PDB file of all heavy atoms in Angstrom:
ATOM      1  N   THR A   1      10.905 -10.417 -10.965  1.00  0.00           N
ATOM      2  CA  THR A   1      11.572  -9.208 -11.477  1.00  0.00           C
ATOM      3  C   THR A   1      10.616  -8.112 -11.655  1.00  0.00           C
ATOM      4  O   THR A   1       9.587  -8.221 -12.334  1.00  0.00           O
ATOM      5  CB  THR A   1      12.305  -9.532 -12.817  1.00  0.00           C
ATOM      6  OG1 THR A   1      13.321 -10.537 -12.615  1.00  0.00           O
ATOM      7  CG2 THR A   1      12.940  -8.306 -13.409  1.00  0.00           C
ATOM      8  N   ALA A   2      10.942  -6.953 -11.027  1.00  0.00           N
ATOM      9  CA  ALA A   2      10.086  -5.783 -11.058  1.00  0.00           C
ATOM     10  C   ALA A   2      10.743  -4.632 -10.309  1.00  0.00           C
ATOM     11  O   ALA A   2      11.759  -4.885  -9.572  1.00  0.00           O
ATOM     12  CB  ALA A   2       8.706  -6.084 -10.440  1.00  0.00           C
ATOM     13  N   VAL A   3      10.112  -3.446 -10.425  1.00  0.00           N
ATOM     14  CA  VAL A   3      10.470  -2.400  -9.467  1.00  0.00           C
ATOM     15  C   VAL A   3       9.535  -2.522  -8.263  1.00  0.00           C
ATOM     16  O   VAL A   3       8.344  -2.647  -8.462  1.00  0.00           O
ATOM     17  CB  VAL A   3      10.267  -1.009 -10.123  1.00  0.00           C
ATOM     18  CG1 VAL A   3      10.559   0.150  -9.110  1.00  0.00           C
ATOM     19  CG2 VAL A   3      11.150  -0.851 -11.346  1.00  0.00           C
ATOM     20  N   TYR A   4      10.134  -2.547  -7.061  1.00  0.00           N
ATOM     21  CA  TYR A   4       9.328  -2.741  -5.844  1.00  0.00           C
ATOM     22  C   TYR A   4       9.155  -1.379  -5.158  1.00  0.00           C
ATOM     23  O   TYR A   4      10.129  -0.672  -4.999  1.00  0.00           O
ATOM     24  CB  TYR A   4      10.022  -3.732  -4.974  1.00  0.00           C
ATOM     25  CG  TYR A   4       9.852  -5.181  -5.402  1.00  0.00           C
ATOM     26  CD1 TYR A   4      10.461  -5.626  -6.542  1.00  0.00           C
ATOM     27  CD2 TYR A   4       8.951  -6.044  -4.702  1.00  0.00           C
ATOM     28  CE1 TYR A   4      10.265  -6.926  -6.991  1.00  0.00           C
ATOM     29  CE2 TYR A   4       8.743  -7.316  -5.109  1.00  0.00           C
ATOM     30  CZ  TYR A   4       9.405  -7.773  -6.293  1.00  0.00           C
ATOM     31  OH  TYR A   4       9.194  -9.089  -6.689  1.00  0.00           O
ATOM     32  N   TYR A   5       7.975  -1.103  -4.772  1.00  0.00           N
ATOM     33  CA  TYR A   5       7.617   0.121  -4.102  1.00  0.00           C
ATOM     34  C   TYR A   5       7.039  -0.119  -2.678  1.00  0.00           C
ATOM     35  O   TYR A   5       6.250  -1.030  -2.508  1.00  0.00           O
ATOM     36  CB  TYR A   5       6.549   0.878  -4.886  1.00  0.00           C
ATOM     37  CG  TYR A   5       7.008   1.307  -6.302  1.00  0.00           C
ATOM     38  CD1 TYR A   5       6.694   0.472  -7.346  1.00  0.00           C
ATOM     39  CD2 TYR A   5       7.613   2.514  -6.513  1.00  0.00           C
ATOM     40  CE1 TYR A   5       7.106   0.792  -8.621  1.00  0.00           C
ATOM     41  CE2 TYR A   5       7.993   2.902  -7.815  1.00  0.00           C
ATOM     42  CZ  TYR A   5       7.717   2.026  -8.833  1.00  0.00           C
ATOM     43  OH  TYR A   5       8.050   2.420 -10.144  1.00  0.00           O
ATOM     44  N   CYS A   6       7.467   0.711  -1.757  1.00  0.00           N
ATOM     45  CA  CYS A   6       6.878   0.751  -0.484  1.00  0.00           C
ATOM     46  C   CYS A   6       5.897   1.882  -0.383  1.00  0.00           C
ATOM     47  O   CYS A   6       6.107   2.977  -1.010  1.00  0.00           O
ATOM     48  CB  CYS A   6       8.029   1.001   0.560  1.00  0.00           C
ATOM     49  SG  CYS A   6       7.532   1.303   2.239  1.00  0.00           S
ATOM     50  N   ALA A   7       4.780   1.687   0.370  1.00  0.00           N
ATOM     51  CA  ALA A   7       3.786   2.732   0.417  1.00  0.00           C
ATOM     52  C   ALA A   7       3.135   2.655   1.835  1.00  0.00           C
ATOM     53  O   ALA A   7       3.105   1.604   2.466  1.00  0.00           O
ATOM     54  CB  ALA A   7       2.713   2.487  -0.607  1.00  0.00           C
ATOM     55  N   ALA A   8       2.662   3.789   2.217  1.00  0.00           N
ATOM     56  CA  ALA A   8       2.034   3.928   3.586  1.00  0.00           C
ATOM     57  C   ALA A   8       0.628   4.532   3.436  1.00  0.00           C
ATOM     58  O   ALA A   8       0.348   5.464   2.635  1.00  0.00           O
ATOM     59  CB  ALA A   8       2.884   4.831   4.436  1.00  0.00           C
ATOM     60  N   SER A   9      -0.296   4.021   4.319  1.00  0.00           N
ATOM     61  CA  SER A   9      -1.670   4.440   4.370  1.00  0.00           C
ATOM     62  C   SER A   9      -2.028   4.668   5.832  1.00  0.00           C
ATOM     63  O   SER A   9      -1.838   3.732   6.632  1.00  0.00           O
ATOM     64  CB  SER A   9      -2.539   3.448   3.697  1.00  0.00           C
ATOM     65  OG  SER A   9      -3.919   3.752   3.888  1.00  0.00           O
ATOM     66  N   LEU A  10      -2.594   5.781   6.183  1.00  0.00           N
ATOM     67  CA  LEU A  10      -3.051   6.087   7.528  1.00  0.00           C
ATOM     68  C   LEU A  10      -4.158   5.075   7.838  1.00  0.00           C
ATOM     69  O   LEU A  10      -5.252   5.149   7.139  1.00  0.00           O
ATOM     70  CB  LEU A  10      -3.441   7.518   7.709  1.00  0.00           C
ATOM     71  CG  LEU A  10      -3.799   8.002   9.107  1.00  0.00           C
ATOM     72  CD1 LEU A  10      -2.491   7.905   9.966  1.00  0.00           C
ATOM     73  CD2 LEU A  10      -4.291   9.400   9.052  1.00  0.00           C
ATOM     74  N   GLY A  11      -4.016   4.273   8.826  1.00  0.00           N
ATOM     75  CA  GLY A  11      -5.095   3.326   9.164  1.00  0.00           C
ATOM     76  C   GLY A  11      -4.560   2.261  10.086  1.00  0.00           C
ATOM     77  O   GLY A  11      -3.415   2.315  10.566  1.00  0.00           O
ATOM     78  N   SER A  12      -5.441   1.289  10.408  1.00  0.00           N
ATOM     79  CA  SER A  12      -5.150   0.306  11.426  1.00  0.00           C
ATOM     80  C   SER A  12      -4.867  -1.089  10.844  1.00  0.00           C
ATOM     81  O   SER A  12      -3.986  -1.750  11.372  1.00  0.00           O
ATOM     82  CB  SER A  12      -6.303   0.185  12.371  1.00  0.00           C
ATOM     83  OG  SER A  12      -6.516   1.368  13.041  1.00  0.00           O
ATOM     84  N   TYR A  13      -5.603  -1.530   9.873  1.00  0.00           N
ATOM     85  CA  TYR A  13      -5.541  -2.880   9.394  1.00  0.00           C
ATOM     86  C   TYR A  13      -5.284  -3.003   7.938  1.00  0.00           C
ATOM     87  O   TYR A  13      -5.763  -2.219   7.120  1.00  0.00           O
ATOM     88  CB  TYR A  13      -6.830  -3.637   9.746  1.00  0.00           C
ATOM     89  CG  TYR A  13      -7.149  -3.719  11.235  1.00  0.00           C
ATOM     90  CD1 TYR A  13      -7.996  -2.885  11.876  1.00  0.00           C
ATOM     91  CD2 TYR A  13      -6.338  -4.619  12.013  1.00  0.00           C
ATOM     92  CE1 TYR A  13      -8.232  -2.973  13.233  1.00  0.00           C
ATOM     93  CE2 TYR A  13      -6.605  -4.706  13.367  1.00  0.00           C
ATOM     94  CZ  TYR A  13      -7.543  -3.858  14.002  1.00  0.00           C
ATOM     95  OH  TYR A  13      -7.724  -3.919  15.332  1.00  0.00           O
ATOM     96  N   CYS A  14      -4.528  -4.032   7.600  1.00  0.00           N
ATOM     97  CA  CYS A  14      -4.302  -4.413   6.211  1.00  0.00           C
ATOM     98  C   CYS A  14      -5.572  -5.215   5.836  1.00  0.00           C
ATOM     99  O   CYS A  14      -5.863  -6.221   6.452  1.00  0.00           O
ATOM    100  CB  CYS A  14      -3.065  -5.278   6.165  1.00  0.00           C
ATOM    101  SG  CYS A  14      -2.657  -5.839   4.504  1.00  0.00           S
ATOM    102  N   PRO A  15      -6.262  -4.801   4.797  1.00  0.00           N
ATOM    103  CA  PRO A  15      -7.504  -5.444   4.397  1.00  0.00           C
ATOM    104  C   PRO A  15      -7.261  -6.903   3.923  1.00  0.00           C
ATOM    105  O   PRO A  15      -6.215  -7.228   3.388  1.00  0.00           O
ATOM    106  CB  PRO A  15      -8.102  -4.582   3.262  1.00  0.00           C
ATOM    107  CG  PRO A  15      -6.942  -3.844   2.726  1.00  0.00           C
ATOM    108  CD  PRO A  15      -5.974  -3.671   3.886  1.00  0.00           C
ATOM    109  N   SER A  16      -8.368  -7.679   4.124  1.00  0.00           N
ATOM    110  CA  SER A  16      -8.174  -9.126   3.783  1.00  0.00           C
ATOM    111  C   SER A  16      -7.989  -9.336   2.265  1.00  0.00           C
ATOM    112  O   SER A  16      -7.488 -10.421   1.880  1.00  0.00           O
ATOM    113  CB  SER A  16      -9.375  -9.868   4.234  1.00  0.00           C
ATOM    114  OG  SER A  16     -10.545  -9.388   3.621  1.00  0.00           O
ATOM    115  N   TYR A  17      -8.377  -8.382   1.472  1.00  0.00           N
ATOM    116  CA  TYR A  17      -8.254  -8.496   0.027  1.00  0.00           C
ATOM    117  C   TYR A  17      -6.876  -7.944  -0.497  1.00  0.00           C
ATOM    118  O   TYR A  17      -6.613  -8.005  -1.627  1.00  0.00           O
ATOM    119  CB  TYR A  17      -9.364  -7.771  -0.736  1.00  0.00           C
ATOM    120  CG  TYR A  17      -9.566  -6.307  -0.258  1.00  0.00           C
ATOM    121  CD1 TYR A  17      -8.750  -5.307  -0.750  1.00  0.00           C
ATOM    122  CD2 TYR A  17     -10.600  -5.984   0.598  1.00  0.00           C
ATOM    123  CE1 TYR A  17      -8.963  -4.015  -0.364  1.00  0.00           C
ATOM    124  CE2 TYR A  17     -10.762  -4.686   0.980  1.00  0.00           C
ATOM    125  CZ  TYR A  17      -9.998  -3.699   0.475  1.00  0.00           C
ATOM    126  OH  TYR A  17     -10.121  -2.416   0.879  1.00  0.00           O
ATOM    127  N   GLY A  18      -6.089  -7.487   0.537  1.00  0.00           N
ATOM    128  CA  GLY A  18      -4.764  -7.016   0.105  1.00  0.00           C
ATOM    129  C   GLY A  18      -4.627  -5.588  -0.201  1.00  0.00           C
ATOM    130  O   GLY A  18      -5.648  -4.845  -0.128  1.00  0.00           O
ATOM    131  N   PRO A  19      -3.452  -5.167  -0.530  1.00  0.00           N
ATOM    132  CA  PRO A  19      -3.261  -3.727  -0.756  1.00  0.00           C
ATOM    133  C   PRO A  19      -3.652  -3.307  -2.187  1.00  0.00           C
ATOM    134  O   PRO A  19      -3.312  -3.958  -3.141  1.00  0.00           O
ATOM    135  CB  PRO A  19      -1.711  -3.583  -0.557  1.00  0.00           C
ATOM    136  CG  PRO A  19      -1.153  -4.875  -0.943  1.00  0.00           C
ATOM    137  CD  PRO A  19      -2.199  -5.885  -0.564  1.00  0.00           C
ATOM    138  N   TYR A  20      -4.320  -2.177  -2.284  1.00  0.00           N
ATOM    139  CA  TYR A  20      -4.680  -1.504  -3.558  1.00  0.00           C
ATOM    140  C   TYR A  20      -3.987  -0.194  -3.589  1.00  0.00           C
ATOM    141  O   TYR A  20      -4.016   0.569  -2.662  1.00  0.00           O
ATOM    142  CB  TYR A  20      -6.174  -1.383  -3.704  1.00  0.00           C
ATOM    143  CG  TYR A  20      -6.827  -2.676  -4.210  1.00  0.00           C
ATOM    144  CD1 TYR A  20      -6.943  -3.828  -3.411  1.00  0.00           C
ATOM    145  CD2 TYR A  20      -7.369  -2.740  -5.491  1.00  0.00           C
ATOM    146  CE1 TYR A  20      -7.595  -4.923  -3.858  1.00  0.00           C
ATOM    147  CE2 TYR A  20      -7.943  -3.911  -5.952  1.00  0.00           C
ATOM    148  CZ  TYR A  20      -8.056  -4.964  -5.098  1.00  0.00           C
ATOM    149  OH  TYR A  20      -8.652  -6.133  -5.555  1.00  0.00           O
ATOM    150  N   SER A  21      -3.435   0.130  -4.713  1.00  0.00           N
ATOM    151  CA  SER A  21      -2.632   1.355  -4.885  1.00  0.00           C
ATOM    152  C   SER A  21      -3.443   2.613  -4.405  1.00  0.00           C
ATOM    153  O   SER A  21      -2.836   3.479  -3.696  1.00  0.00           O
ATOM    154  CB  SER A  21      -2.236   1.577  -6.306  1.00  0.00           C
ATOM    155  OG  SER A  21      -1.338   0.499  -6.735  1.00  0.00           O
ATOM    156  N   TYR A  22      -4.693   2.699  -4.808  1.00  0.00           N
ATOM    157  CA  TYR A  22      -5.398   3.884  -4.527  1.00  0.00           C
ATOM    158  C   TYR A  22      -5.669   4.210  -3.055  1.00  0.00           C
ATOM    159  O   TYR A  22      -6.043   5.293  -2.659  1.00  0.00           O
ATOM    160  CB  TYR A  22      -6.823   3.859  -5.256  1.00  0.00           C
ATOM    161  CG  TYR A  22      -7.804   2.910  -4.768  1.00  0.00           C
ATOM    162  CD1 TYR A  22      -8.594   3.185  -3.693  1.00  0.00           C
ATOM    163  CD2 TYR A  22      -7.896   1.617  -5.367  1.00  0.00           C
ATOM    164  CE1 TYR A  22      -9.448   2.217  -3.225  1.00  0.00           C
ATOM    165  CE2 TYR A  22      -8.773   0.704  -4.859  1.00  0.00           C
ATOM    166  CZ  TYR A  22      -9.619   0.969  -3.826  1.00  0.00           C
ATOM    167  OH  TYR A  22     -10.475   0.071  -3.353  1.00  0.00           O
ATOM    168  N   GLU A  23      -5.461   3.182  -2.250  1.00  0.00           N
ATOM    169  CA  GLU A  23      -5.644   3.354  -0.760  1.00  0.00           C
ATOM    170  C   GLU A  23      -4.430   3.888  -0.110  1.00  0.00           C
ATOM    171  O   GLU A  23      -4.464   4.174   1.124  1.00  0.00           O
ATOM    172  CB  GLU A  23      -5.995   2.008  -0.188  1.00  0.00           C
ATOM    173  CG  GLU A  23      -7.349   1.454  -0.660  1.00  0.00           C
ATOM    174  CD  GLU A  23      -7.698   0.076  -0.036  1.00  0.00           C
ATOM    175  OE1 GLU A  23      -6.722  -0.681   0.317  1.00  0.00           O
ATOM    176  OE2 GLU A  23      -8.910  -0.231   0.049  1.00  0.00           O
ATOM    177  N   TYR A  24      -3.325   4.073  -0.769  1.00  0.00           N
ATOM    178  CA  TYR A  24      -2.064   4.468  -0.199  1.00  0.00           C
ATOM    179  C   TYR A  24      -1.750   5.867  -0.600  1.00  0.00           C
ATOM    180  O   TYR A  24      -1.828   6.247  -1.757  1.00  0.00           O
ATOM    181  CB  TYR A  24      -0.955   3.522  -0.532  1.00  0.00           C
ATOM    182  CG  TYR A  24      -1.098   2.226   0.211  1.00  0.00           C
ATOM    183  CD1 TYR A  24      -2.091   1.206  -0.189  1.00  0.00           C
ATOM    184  CD2 TYR A  24      -0.338   1.865   1.278  1.00  0.00           C
ATOM    185  CE1 TYR A  24      -2.253   0.058   0.454  1.00  0.00           C
ATOM    186  CE2 TYR A  24      -0.497   0.668   1.978  1.00  0.00           C
ATOM    187  CZ  TYR A  24      -1.493  -0.188   1.561  1.00  0.00           C
ATOM    188  OH  TYR A  24      -1.621  -1.341   2.264  1.00  0.00           O
ATOM    189  N   ASP A  25      -1.290   6.651   0.377  1.00  0.00           N
ATOM    190  CA  ASP A  25      -1.139   8.098   0.196  1.00  0.00           C
ATOM    191  C   ASP A  25       0.353   8.457  -0.053  1.00  0.00           C
ATOM    192  O   ASP A  25       0.638   9.468  -0.689  1.00  0.00           O
ATOM    193  CB  ASP A  25      -1.636   8.854   1.401  1.00  0.00           C
ATOM    194  CG  ASP A  25      -3.039   8.575   1.697  1.00  0.00           C
ATOM    195  OD1 ASP A  25      -3.889   8.756   0.761  1.00  0.00           O
ATOM    196  OD2 ASP A  25      -3.379   8.206   2.861  1.00  0.00           O
ATOM    197  N   TYR A  26       1.238   7.633   0.488  1.00  0.00           N
ATOM    198  CA  TYR A  26       2.675   8.023   0.485  1.00  0.00           C
ATOM    199  C   TYR A  26       3.469   6.873  -0.106  1.00  0.00           C
ATOM    200  O   TYR A  26       3.228   5.714   0.212  1.00  0.00           O
ATOM    201  CB  TYR A  26       3.188   8.307   1.907  1.00  0.00           C
ATOM    202  CG  TYR A  26       2.327   9.328   2.589  1.00  0.00           C
ATOM    203  CD1 TYR A  26       1.444   8.970   3.564  1.00  0.00           C
ATOM    204  CD2 TYR A  26       2.468  10.714   2.248  1.00  0.00           C
ATOM    205  CE1 TYR A  26       0.659   9.936   4.203  1.00  0.00           C
ATOM    206  CE2 TYR A  26       1.726  11.654   2.937  1.00  0.00           C
ATOM    207  CZ  TYR A  26       0.792  11.259   3.809  1.00  0.00           C
ATOM    208  OH  TYR A  26      -0.037  12.143   4.477  1.00  0.00           O
ATOM    209  N   TRP A  27       4.353   7.207  -1.037  1.00  0.00           N
ATOM    210  CA  TRP A  27       5.084   6.263  -1.818  1.00  0.00           C
ATOM    211  C   TRP A  27       6.595   6.543  -1.860  1.00  0.00           C
ATOM    212  O   TRP A  27       6.990   7.714  -1.886  1.00  0.00           O
ATOM    213  CB  TRP A  27       4.589   6.207  -3.259  1.00  0.00           C
ATOM    214  CG  TRP A  27       3.199   5.720  -3.409  1.00  0.00           C
ATOM    215  CD1 TRP A  27       2.035   6.425  -3.171  1.00  0.00           C
ATOM    216  CD2 TRP A  27       2.860   4.408  -3.773  1.00  0.00           C
ATOM    217  NE1 TRP A  27       0.984   5.585  -3.441  1.00  0.00           N
ATOM    218  CE2 TRP A  27       1.392   4.364  -3.727  1.00  0.00           C
ATOM    219  CE3 TRP A  27       3.568   3.212  -4.103  1.00  0.00           C
ATOM    220  CZ2 TRP A  27       0.696   3.195  -4.097  1.00  0.00           C
ATOM    221  CZ3 TRP A  27       2.840   2.100  -4.464  1.00  0.00           C
ATOM    222  CH2 TRP A  27       1.474   2.074  -4.397  1.00  0.00           C
ATOM    223  N   GLY A  28       7.358   5.435  -1.875  1.00  0.00           N
ATOM    224  CA  GLY A  28       8.794   5.601  -2.156  1.00  0.00           C
ATOM    225  C   GLY A  28       9.070   5.694  -3.625  1.00  0.00           C
ATOM    226  O   GLY A  28       8.172   5.574  -4.459  1.00  0.00           O
TER     227      GLY A  28
END
């Protein structure tokens, strides 16, 4: 249970350590 957000970051690969908020520029 949570609010789920989609986000986009200009780039090629999803890092092995996973997504970090500060790396994403655009948010729903």
